[in-house]
Amino acid sequence: MYKLTKAQAQTIVDRMMKDIPYNLNIMNHTGIIIGSGNPKRIGSVHHGAVKAIQQGHTIEIYEDEEFVKKGINVPIDLNGEIVGVVGISGEVAETRPFGNLLKSAVILLINQSIASEKETSKHGLKQDFFHLMINTDIHYTNEFIHRALQYEIELTKPSQVLYVDSPTKISEYVTNCVSTFKISAYSLCVVIQDDNQLNSIIQAIRMKNTKAFLSVSKWNDTIAEGFLQAKSAMRILKGLNMDERLIYYSNCELTADMLTSLKSSTQIDHASQLLKLDEEMINTLQIYLNCNLNLNETASQLMIHRNTLSYRLNKIHSITGKDPKNLLDRIELIFMLIHHMKSRGGSD
């Protein structure tokens, strides 16, 4: 039997009382008031509802009694079972026309709630599967392989991973691809096993999210490996703030691997924390690097005077101990920028 919750009942009462000029009560399958226009009545037994449940039809009460107010009490039957009762207080002749209308509305709202709960449960199972799938320690059992098929994934075949990071909220349905999973409200993971699928999916995403960043892994035997590759490439793309919005792991593999080997470096951690203090300095450094150290072009893009740019570069040197104009220091600054994306939650 479906059980109405207090939250559902009160939501229905609040919504319906905006259109019906009478006090409403909703009782559960035992006749207890669980939603009411009069909060003081919640938790008490509604004797009219008890009769409606016992007799299986609408109960009309013409006079106020000690424990019952006049009005109508209509049983809510769902799939042949009475799951509750809706009561309307007032003169029977006035409230009767609202009885069946209100009952239908309540059943509709219940069905919507049931559908929503099923969708939430379905989404939860999909997310559980996703987190298992990207776990590097996962072993592909026959059961897990079979479970993957409902998301159109054949775990025995190689795959690519497309990582999508959007500045605005993004829906997993943007790709029209079952093998798309939510990482967060702003990011997606798409598992690709067809050579011809990648470009069409990228185009579909770009049509709806023009500012989204995308990273693509190599072909791998496990999805977990592909996910790590795509995530590493995304950190590089966003950390360096390059003009491109798409990056392939195969084009930055060495940098990504070096970053992974340095991920526990306390020096990198410390410098990233310093960079984190000033987003203006980060943006300045990113643009300076992308302009290939051209001071005039950097100042133009930042819309600042060249002297102001020099001041900022000197400030970066002072804060980090690394000079952006020095080759070796510049390499370390690049790693700091990429690591900075991870330390502030980017692409994780």
Foldseek 3Di string as FASTA:
>chain_A
DDADALVLQQVLQVVCCVPDVFKKFKFFLQQATSHIPDVVRHGPHAVLFNVCNVVVAKDADADDDPRYAGFIKGFQDDPRHGGIIMTTHDHHVVRVVCHVVSSVVSVVSVVVVVVVVVVVVVLVVVVVLVVLQLPPPHDCDPVNQVVCVVLPDRLQAWKKKKKKFAPAFDDQCLQVHSQWHDPDRGMIIHIGRDPPRVVSSVVSCCVVGVQMAMEMEDTDSGVNVNLLLRLLQQLLCVLLVAPDRYYYSVVCVVVSVVLVVCLPPVLLVVLLVLCVVDVVLSVLLSLCVNVVNDLVVSCVVVVHDSVVSVVSQVVSCVRSVARCVDPVSVVSVSSSSSSNCVVVPHSD
